[in-house]
Amino acid sequence: MSRGQYDVTLGMPHYRHIDLQAFSLILLGSKVGHGLGTEVNRIAKAVLFLWLQLEFLFLFRHLFGATFNILRRPDAYDDDHRRKSR
């Protein structure tokens, strides 16, 4: 799969998960403390927390967006259906 291609199961780009793993490694490395201070630890935690919120938003939108028509235009389904039928 190329960078940014969508996964059919979750509808989210694969590279998001790769970046999340990278942030986890940064957080783990800052916990060890070899050359990384507490400021880096705080920054890594903040970035990881914000990234997890973004991941949750995409997952929530995918799971419940079509059901409750939230976070989408009301005619988005019709536009998608028209594009697929051509």
PDB file of N, CA and C in Angstrom:
ATOM      1  N   MET A   1       0.832  -1.184   0.000  1.00  0.00           N
ATOM      2  CA  MET A   1       0.000   0.000   0.000  1.00  0.00           C
ATOM      3  C   MET A   1       0.877   1.249   0.000  1.00  0.00           C
ATOM      4  N   SER A   2       0.456   2.214  -0.753  1.00  0.00           N
ATOM      5  CA  SER A   2       1.229   3.453  -0.783  1.00  0.00           C
ATOM      6  C   SER A   2       0.891   4.319   0.417  1.00  0.00           C
ATOM      7  N   ARG A   3       1.717   5.292   0.655  1.00  0.00           N
ATOM      8  CA  ARG A   3       1.533   6.176   1.813  1.00  0.00           C
ATOM      9  C   ARG A   3       0.232   6.947   1.659  1.00  0.00           C
ATOM     10  N   GLY A   4      -0.631   6.833   2.651  1.00  0.00           N
ATOM     11  CA  GLY A   4      -1.882   7.565   2.632  1.00  0.00           C
ATOM     12  C   GLY A   4      -3.041   6.800   2.014  1.00  0.00           C
ATOM     13  N   GLN A   5      -2.802   5.580   1.531  1.00  0.00           N
ATOM     14  CA  GLN A   5      -3.894   4.801   0.961  1.00  0.00           C
ATOM     15  C   GLN A   5      -4.786   4.303   2.090  1.00  0.00           C
ATOM     16  N   TYR A   6      -6.075   4.260   1.848  1.00  0.00           N
ATOM     17  CA  TYR A   6      -7.010   3.964   2.922  1.00  0.00           C
ATOM     18  C   TYR A   6      -7.150   2.463   3.175  1.00  0.00           C
ATOM     19  N   ASP A   7      -7.329   2.135   4.436  1.00  0.00           N
ATOM     20  CA  ASP A   7      -7.576   0.767   4.861  1.00  0.00           C
ATOM     21  C   ASP A   7      -9.074   0.532   4.746  1.00  0.00           C
ATOM     22  N   VAL A   8      -9.479  -0.578   4.159  1.00  0.00           N
ATOM     23  CA  VAL A   8     -10.900  -0.811   3.952  1.00  0.00           C
ATOM     24  C   VAL A   8     -11.630  -1.125   5.254  1.00  0.00           C
ATOM     25  N   THR A   9     -10.935  -1.597   6.264  1.00  0.00           N
ATOM     26  CA  THR A   9     -11.615  -1.964   7.503  1.00  0.00           C
ATOM     27  C   THR A   9     -11.960  -0.754   8.361  1.00  0.00           C
ATOM     28  N   LEU A  10     -11.062   0.207   8.462  1.00  0.00           N
ATOM     29  CA  LEU A  10     -11.315   1.371   9.304  1.00  0.00           C
ATOM     30  C   LEU A  10     -11.515   2.651   8.511  1.00  0.00           C
ATOM     31  N   GLY A  11     -11.123   2.662   7.240  1.00  0.00           N
ATOM     32  CA  GLY A  11     -11.262   3.863   6.441  1.00  0.00           C
ATOM     33  C   GLY A  11     -10.286   4.947   6.830  1.00  0.00           C
ATOM     34  N   MET A  12      -9.173   4.577   7.471  1.00  0.00           N
ATOM     35  CA  MET A  12      -8.176   5.558   7.895  1.00  0.00           C
ATOM     36  C   MET A  12      -6.851   5.254   7.219  1.00  0.00           C
ATOM     37  N   PRO A  13      -6.076   6.288   6.919  1.00  0.00           N
ATOM     38  CA  PRO A  13      -4.772   6.039   6.291  1.00  0.00           C
ATOM     39  C   PRO A  13      -3.856   5.221   7.202  1.00  0.00           C
ATOM     40  N   HIS A  14      -3.072   4.351   6.597  1.00  0.00           N
ATOM     41  CA  HIS A  14      -2.161   3.492   7.362  1.00  0.00           C
ATOM     42  C   HIS A  14      -1.067   4.291   8.046  1.00  0.00           C
ATOM     43  N   TYR A  15      -0.635   5.403   7.437  1.00  0.00           N
ATOM     44  CA  TYR A  15       0.513   6.102   8.003  1.00  0.00           C
ATOM     45  C   TYR A  15       0.197   6.718   9.354  1.00  0.00           C
ATOM     46  N   ARG A  16      -1.062   6.911   9.699  1.00  0.00           N
ATOM     47  CA  ARG A  16      -1.405   7.423  11.029  1.00  0.00           C
ATOM     48  C   ARG A  16      -0.912   6.463  12.108  1.00  0.00           C
ATOM     49  N   HIS A  17      -1.073   5.170  11.875  1.00  0.00           N
ATOM     50  CA  HIS A  17      -0.671   4.183  12.865  1.00  0.00           C
ATOM     51  C   HIS A  17       0.854   4.097  12.972  1.00  0.00           C
ATOM     52  N   ILE A  18       1.533   4.303  11.857  1.00  0.00           N
ATOM     53  CA  ILE A  18       2.996   4.306  11.880  1.00  0.00           C
ATOM     54  C   ILE A  18       3.483   5.486  12.715  1.00  0.00           C
ATOM     55  N   ASP A  19       2.876   6.666  12.514  1.00  0.00           N
ATOM     56  CA  ASP A  19       3.265   7.834  13.291  1.00  0.00           C
ATOM     57  C   ASP A  19       2.948   7.648  14.769  1.00  0.00           C
ATOM     58  N   LEU A  20       1.847   6.996  15.071  1.00  0.00           N
ATOM     59  CA  LEU A  20       1.486   6.743  16.461  1.00  0.00           C
ATOM     60  C   LEU A  20       2.529   5.842  17.121  1.00  0.00           C
ATOM     61  N   GLN A  21       3.018   4.858  16.380  1.00  0.00           N
ATOM     62  CA  GLN A  21       4.069   3.997  16.917  1.00  0.00           C
ATOM     63  C   GLN A  21       5.351   4.790  17.151  1.00  0.00           C
ATOM     64  N   ALA A  22       5.651   5.725  16.259  1.00  0.00           N
ATOM     65  CA  ALA A  22       6.850   6.554  16.431  1.00  0.00           C
ATOM     66  C   ALA A  22       6.740   7.405  17.685  1.00  0.00           C
ATOM     67  N   PHE A  23       5.567   7.989  17.928  1.00  0.00           N
ATOM     68  CA  PHE A  23       5.376   8.794  19.129  1.00  0.00           C
ATOM     69  C   PHE A  23       5.470   7.929  20.385  1.00  0.00           C
ATOM     70  N   SER A  24       4.989   6.703  20.296  1.00  0.00           N
ATOM     71  CA  SER A  24       5.100   5.794  21.438  1.00  0.00           C
ATOM     72  C   SER A  24       6.566   5.497  21.749  1.00  0.00           C
ATOM     73  N   LEU A  25       7.377   5.319  20.718  1.00  0.00           N
ATOM     74  CA  LEU A  25       8.797   5.079  20.918  1.00  0.00           C
ATOM     75  C   LEU A  25       9.493   6.298  21.521  1.00  0.00           C
ATOM     76  N   ILE A  26       9.081   7.499  21.084  1.00  0.00           N
ATOM     77  CA  ILE A  26       9.647   8.723  21.671  1.00  0.00           C
ATOM     78  C   ILE A  26       9.308   8.784  23.152  1.00  0.00           C
ATOM     79  N   LEU A  27       8.057   8.471  23.468  1.00  0.00           N
ATOM     80  CA  LEU A  27       7.628   8.497  24.874  1.00  0.00           C
ATOM     81  C   LEU A  27       8.401   7.462  25.689  1.00  0.00           C
ATOM     82  N   LEU A  28       8.565   6.273  25.140  1.00  0.00           N
ATOM     83  CA  LEU A  28       9.315   5.233  25.832  1.00  0.00           C
ATOM     84  C   LEU A  28      10.778   5.644  26.013  1.00  0.00           C
ATOM     85  N   GLY A  29      11.375   6.241  24.970  1.00  0.00           N
ATOM     86  CA  GLY A  29      12.753   6.686  25.053  1.00  0.00           C
ATOM     87  C   GLY A  29      12.941   7.781  26.085  1.00  0.00           C
ATOM     88  N   SER A  30      11.953   8.663  26.200  1.00  0.00           N
ATOM     89  CA  SER A  30      12.085   9.734  27.182  1.00  0.00           C
ATOM     90  C   SER A  30      11.911   9.197  28.601  1.00  0.00           C
ATOM     91  N   LYS A  31      11.178   8.101  28.743  1.00  0.00           N
ATOM     92  CA  LYS A  31      11.036   7.481  30.063  1.00  0.00           C
ATOM     93  C   LYS A  31      12.365   6.891  30.534  1.00  0.00           C
ATOM     94  N   VAL A  32      13.116   6.325  29.590  1.00  0.00           N
ATOM     95  CA  VAL A  32      14.410   5.760  29.943  1.00  0.00           C
ATOM     96  C   VAL A  32      15.340   6.862  30.436  1.00  0.00           C
ATOM     97  N   GLY A  33      15.287   8.032  29.788  1.00  0.00           N
ATOM     98  CA  GLY A  33      16.020   9.183  30.272  1.00  0.00           C
ATOM     99  C   GLY A  33      17.471   9.260  29.872  1.00  0.00           C
ATOM    100  N   HIS A  34      17.886   8.529  28.863  1.00  0.00           N
ATOM    101  CA  HIS A  34      19.270   8.609  28.403  1.00  0.00           C
ATOM    102  C   HIS A  34      19.424   9.816  27.485  1.00  0.00           C
ATOM    103  N   GLY A  35      19.798  10.935  28.064  1.00  0.00           N
ATOM    104  CA  GLY A  35      20.022  12.139  27.270  1.00  0.00           C
ATOM    105  C   GLY A  35      18.771  12.941  27.000  1.00  0.00           C
ATOM    106  N   LEU A  36      17.616  12.471  27.427  1.00  0.00           N
ATOM    107  CA  LEU A  36      16.376  13.206  27.199  1.00  0.00           C
ATOM    108  C   LEU A  36      15.830  13.668  28.540  1.00  0.00           C
ATOM    109  N   GLY A  37      15.544  14.943  28.636  1.00  0.00           N
ATOM    110  CA  GLY A  37      15.091  15.507  29.903  1.00  0.00           C
ATOM    111  C   GLY A  37      13.592  15.389  30.098  1.00  0.00           C
ATOM    112  N   THR A  38      13.124  15.928  31.192  1.00  0.00           N
ATOM    113  CA  THR A  38      11.700  15.849  31.515  1.00  0.00           C
ATOM    114  C   THR A  38      10.866  16.710  30.585  1.00  0.00           C
ATOM    115  N   GLU A  39      11.465  17.754  30.003  1.00  0.00           N
ATOM    116  CA  GLU A  39      10.719  18.607  29.065  1.00  0.00           C
ATOM    117  C   GLU A  39      10.341  17.815  27.812  1.00  0.00           C
ATOM    118  N   VAL A  40      11.275  17.015  27.326  1.00  0.00           N
ATOM    119  CA  VAL A  40      10.984  16.164  26.167  1.00  0.00           C
ATOM    120  C   VAL A  40       9.894  15.157  26.525  1.00  0.00           C
ATOM    121  N   ASN A  41       9.933  14.656  27.749  1.00  0.00           N
ATOM    122  CA  ASN A  41       8.918  13.717  28.212  1.00  0.00           C
ATOM    123  C   ASN A  41       7.537  14.376  28.195  1.00  0.00           C
ATOM    124  N   ARG A  42       7.456  15.612  28.671  1.00  0.00           N
ATOM    125  CA  ARG A  42       6.169  16.325  28.680  1.00  0.00           C
ATOM    126  C   ARG A  42       5.673  16.591  27.269  1.00  0.00           C
ATOM    127  N   ILE A  43       6.571  16.992  26.389  1.00  0.00           N
ATOM    128  CA  ILE A  43       6.192  17.264  24.997  1.00  0.00           C
ATOM    129  C   ILE A  43       5.718  15.988  24.319  1.00  0.00           C
ATOM    130  N   ALA A  44       6.437  14.889  24.530  1.00  0.00           N
ATOM    131  CA  ALA A  44       6.051  13.610  23.921  1.00  0.00           C
ATOM    132  C   ALA A  44       4.687  13.162  24.426  1.00  0.00           C
ATOM    133  N   LYS A  45       4.423  13.328  25.714  1.00  0.00           N
ATOM    134  CA  LYS A  45       3.113  12.958  26.254  1.00  0.00           C
ATOM    135  C   LYS A  45       2.005  13.816  25.660  1.00  0.00           C
ATOM    136  N   ALA A  46       2.256  15.113  25.533  1.00  0.00           N
ATOM    137  CA  ALA A  46       1.241  16.014  24.982  1.00  0.00           C
ATOM    138  C   ALA A  46       0.939  15.679  23.519  1.00  0.00           C
ATOM    139  N   VAL A  47       1.996  15.418  22.735  1.00  0.00           N
ATOM    140  CA  VAL A  47       1.800  15.075  21.327  1.00  0.00           C
ATOM    141  C   VAL A  47       1.071  13.741  21.199  1.00  0.00           C
ATOM    142  N   LEU A  48       1.456  12.780  21.999  1.00  0.00           N
ATOM    143  CA  LEU A  48       0.794  11.482  21.957  1.00  0.00           C
ATOM    144  C   LEU A  48      -0.676  11.601  22.351  1.00  0.00           C
ATOM    145  N   PHE A  49      -0.980  12.401  23.370  1.00  0.00           N
ATOM    146  CA  PHE A  49      -2.354  12.595  23.809  1.00  0.00           C
ATOM    147  C   PHE A  49      -3.188  13.251  22.707  1.00  0.00           C
ATOM    148  N   LEU A  50      -2.649  14.281  22.059  1.00  0.00           N
ATOM    149  CA  LEU A  50      -3.373  14.941  20.971  1.00  0.00           C
ATOM    150  C   LEU A  50      -3.571  14.005  19.787  1.00  0.00           C
ATOM    151  N   TRP A  51      -2.545  13.198  19.498  1.00  0.00           N
ATOM    152  CA  TRP A  51      -2.661  12.248  18.383  1.00  0.00           C
ATOM    153  C   TRP A  51      -3.736  11.196  18.675  1.00  0.00           C
ATOM    154  N   LEU A  52      -3.804  10.725  19.908  1.00  0.00           N
ATOM    155  CA  LEU A  52      -4.831   9.745  20.265  1.00  0.00           C
ATOM    156  C   LEU A  52      -6.228  10.352  20.140  1.00  0.00           C
ATOM    157  N   GLN A  53      -6.371  11.626  20.492  1.00  0.00           N
ATOM    158  CA  GLN A  53      -7.666  12.283  20.328  1.00  0.00           C
ATOM    159  C   GLN A  53      -8.057  12.351  18.862  1.00  0.00           C
ATOM    160  N   LEU A  54      -7.095  12.645  17.995  1.00  0.00           N
ATOM    161  CA  LEU A  54      -7.355  12.697  16.567  1.00  0.00           C
ATOM    162  C   LEU A  54      -7.742  11.322  16.032  1.00  0.00           C
ATOM    163  N   GLU A  55      -7.031  10.297  16.473  1.00  0.00           N
ATOM    164  CA  GLU A  55      -7.365   8.930  16.066  1.00  0.00           C
ATOM    165  C   GLU A  55      -8.792   8.569  16.495  1.00  0.00           C
ATOM    166  N   PHE A  56      -9.168   8.939  17.728  1.00  0.00           N
ATOM    167  CA  PHE A  56     -10.501   8.646  18.226  1.00  0.00           C
ATOM    168  C   PHE A  56     -11.553   9.378  17.403  1.00  0.00           C
ATOM    169  N   LEU A  57     -11.267  10.625  17.017  1.00  0.00           N
ATOM    170  CA  LEU A  57     -12.218  11.386  16.208  1.00  0.00           C
ATOM    171  C   LEU A  57     -12.456  10.710  14.872  1.00  0.00           C
ATOM    172  N   PHE A  58     -11.381  10.252  14.209  1.00  0.00           N
ATOM    173  CA  PHE A  58     -11.540   9.570  12.930  1.00  0.00           C
ATOM    174  C   PHE A  58     -12.301   8.254  13.090  1.00  0.00           C
ATOM    175  N   LEU A  59     -12.008   7.519  14.144  1.00  0.00           N
ATOM    176  CA  LEU A  59     -12.704   6.260  14.379  1.00  0.00           C
ATOM    177  C   LEU A  59     -14.175   6.506  14.691  1.00  0.00           C
ATOM    178  N   PHE A  60     -14.459   7.507  15.536  1.00  0.00           N
ATOM    179  CA  PHE A  60     -15.835   7.843  15.876  1.00  0.00           C
ATOM    180  C   PHE A  60     -16.599   8.283  14.630  1.00  0.00           C
ATOM    181  N   ARG A  61     -15.955   9.090  13.788  1.00  0.00           N
ATOM    182  CA  ARG A  61     -16.610   9.547  12.568  1.00  0.00           C
ATOM    183  C   ARG A  61     -16.912   8.374  11.640  1.00  0.00           C
ATOM    184  N   HIS A  62     -15.976   7.441  11.551  1.00  0.00           N
ATOM    185  CA  HIS A  62     -16.190   6.298  10.675  1.00  0.00           C
ATOM    186  C   HIS A  62     -17.309   5.392  11.199  1.00  0.00           C
ATOM    187  N   LEU A  63     -17.313   5.136  12.505  1.00  0.00           N
ATOM    188  CA  LEU A  63     -18.287   4.198  13.056  1.00  0.00           C
ATOM    189  C   LEU A  63     -19.694   4.783  13.155  1.00  0.00           C
ATOM    190  N   PHE A  64     -19.799   6.050  13.555  1.00  0.00           N
ATOM    191  CA  PHE A  64     -21.107   6.619  13.832  1.00  0.00           C
ATOM    192  C   PHE A  64     -21.527   7.720  12.877  1.00  0.00           C
ATOM    193  N   GLY A  65     -20.624   8.187  12.030  1.00  0.00           N
ATOM    194  CA  GLY A  65     -20.947   9.292  11.133  1.00  0.00           C
ATOM    195  C   GLY A  65     -22.047   8.952  10.147  1.00  0.00           C
ATOM    196  N   ALA A  66     -21.977   7.765   9.555  1.00  0.00           N
ATOM    197  CA  ALA A  66     -22.990   7.384   8.582  1.00  0.00           C
ATOM    198  C   ALA A  66     -24.319   7.068   9.265  1.00  0.00           C
ATOM    199  N   THR A  67     -24.274   6.546  10.479  1.00  0.00           N
ATOM    200  CA  THR A  67     -25.494   6.177  11.183  1.00  0.00           C
ATOM    201  C   THR A  67     -26.298   7.398  11.611  1.00  0.00           C
ATOM    202  N   PHE A  68     -25.614   8.347  12.204  1.00  0.00           N
ATOM    203  CA  PHE A  68     -26.316   9.511  12.743  1.00  0.00           C
ATOM    204  C   PHE A  68     -26.172  10.752  11.872  1.00  0.00           C
ATOM    205  N   ASN A  69     -25.512  10.622  10.717  1.00  0.00           N
ATOM    206  CA  ASN A  69     -25.291  11.744   9.808  1.00  0.00           C
ATOM    207  C   ASN A  69     -24.638  12.924  10.510  1.00  0.00           C
ATOM    208  N   ILE A  70     -23.609  12.634  11.302  1.00  0.00           N
ATOM    209  CA  ILE A  70     -22.881  13.709  11.955  1.00  0.00           C
ATOM    210  C   ILE A  70     -21.533  13.854  11.282  1.00  0.00           C
ATOM    211  N   LEU A  71     -20.976  15.022  11.379  1.00  0.00           N
ATOM    212  CA  LEU A  71     -19.671  15.342  10.820  1.00  0.00           C
ATOM    213  C   LEU A  71     -19.620  15.138   9.310  1.00  0.00           C
ATOM    214  N   ARG A  72     -20.764  15.151   8.656  1.00  0.00           N
ATOM    215  CA  ARG A  72     -20.838  15.040   7.203  1.00  0.00           C
ATOM    216  C   ARG A  72     -21.911  15.996   6.689  1.00  0.00           C
ATOM    217  N   ARG A  73     -21.808  16.325   5.432  1.00  0.00           N
ATOM    218  CA  ARG A  73     -22.896  17.080   4.805  1.00  0.00           C
ATOM    219  C   ARG A  73     -24.078  16.138   4.649  1.00  0.00           C
ATOM    220  N   PRO A  74     -25.303  16.637   4.740  1.00  0.00           N
ATOM    221  CA  PRO A  74     -26.472  15.753   4.607  1.00  0.00           C
ATOM    222  C   PRO A  74     -26.552  15.051   3.254  1.00  0.00           C
ATOM    223  N   ASP A  75     -26.041  15.673   2.197  1.00  0.00           N
ATOM    224  CA  ASP A  75     -26.118  15.065   0.871  1.00  0.00           C
ATOM    225  C   ASP A  75     -24.844  14.309   0.490  1.00  0.00           C
ATOM    226  N   ALA A  76     -23.965  14.071   1.442  1.00  0.00           N
ATOM    227  CA  ALA A  76     -22.693  13.397   1.134  1.00  0.00           C
ATOM    228  C   ALA A  76     -22.924  11.977   0.632  1.00  0.00           C
ATOM    229  N   TYR A  77     -23.904  11.267   1.190  1.00  0.00           N
ATOM    230  CA  TYR A  77     -24.175   9.903   0.736  1.00  0.00           C
ATOM    231  C   TYR A  77     -24.630   9.916  -0.716  1.00  0.00           C
ATOM    232  N   ASP A  78     -25.494  10.872  -1.072  1.00  0.00           N
ATOM    233  CA  ASP A  78     -25.978  10.959  -2.450  1.00  0.00           C
ATOM    234  C   ASP A  78     -24.835  11.239  -3.409  1.00  0.00           C
ATOM    235  N   ASP A  79     -23.894  12.122  -3.008  1.00  0.00           N
ATOM    236  CA  ASP A  79     -22.738  12.419  -3.857  1.00  0.00           C
ATOM    237  C   ASP A  79     -21.878  11.178  -4.053  1.00  0.00           C
ATOM    238  N   ASP A  80     -21.633  10.438  -2.979  1.00  0.00           N
ATOM    239  CA  ASP A  80     -20.838   9.217  -3.075  1.00  0.00           C
ATOM    240  C   ASP A  80     -21.524   8.192  -3.966  1.00  0.00           C
ATOM    241  N   HIS A  81     -22.829   8.065  -3.808  1.00  0.00           N
ATOM    242  CA  HIS A  81     -23.588   7.086  -4.587  1.00  0.00           C
ATOM    243  C   HIS A  81     -23.564   7.450  -6.070  1.00  0.00           C
ATOM    244  N   ARG A  82     -23.694   8.744  -6.382  1.00  0.00           N
ATOM    245  CA  ARG A  82     -23.662   9.177  -7.779  1.00  0.00           C
ATOM    246  C   ARG A  82     -22.297   8.906  -8.402  1.00  0.00           C
ATOM    247  N   ARG A  83     -21.218   9.152  -7.646  1.00  0.00           N
ATOM    248  CA  ARG A  83     -19.882   8.916  -8.182  1.00  0.00           C
ATOM    249  C   ARG A  83     -19.652   7.427  -8.464  1.00  0.00           C
ATOM    250  N   LYS A  84     -20.130   6.566  -7.583  1.00  0.00           N
ATOM    251  CA  LYS A  84     -19.916   5.122  -7.763  1.00  0.00           C
ATOM    252  C   LYS A  84     -20.759   4.563  -8.903  1.00  0.00           C
ATOM    253  N   SER A  85     -21.908   5.160  -9.164  1.00  0.00           N
ATOM    254  CA  SER A  85     -22.787   4.621 -10.196  1.00  0.00           C
ATOM    255  C   SER A  85     -22.356   5.021 -11.599  1.00  0.00           C
ATOM    256  N   ARG A  86     -21.424   5.966 -11.732  1.00  0.00           N
ATOM    257  CA  ARG A  86     -20.979   6.392 -13.074  1.00  0.00           C
ATOM    258  C   ARG A  86     -20.035   5.421 -13.688  1.00  0.00           C
TER     259      ARG A  86
END
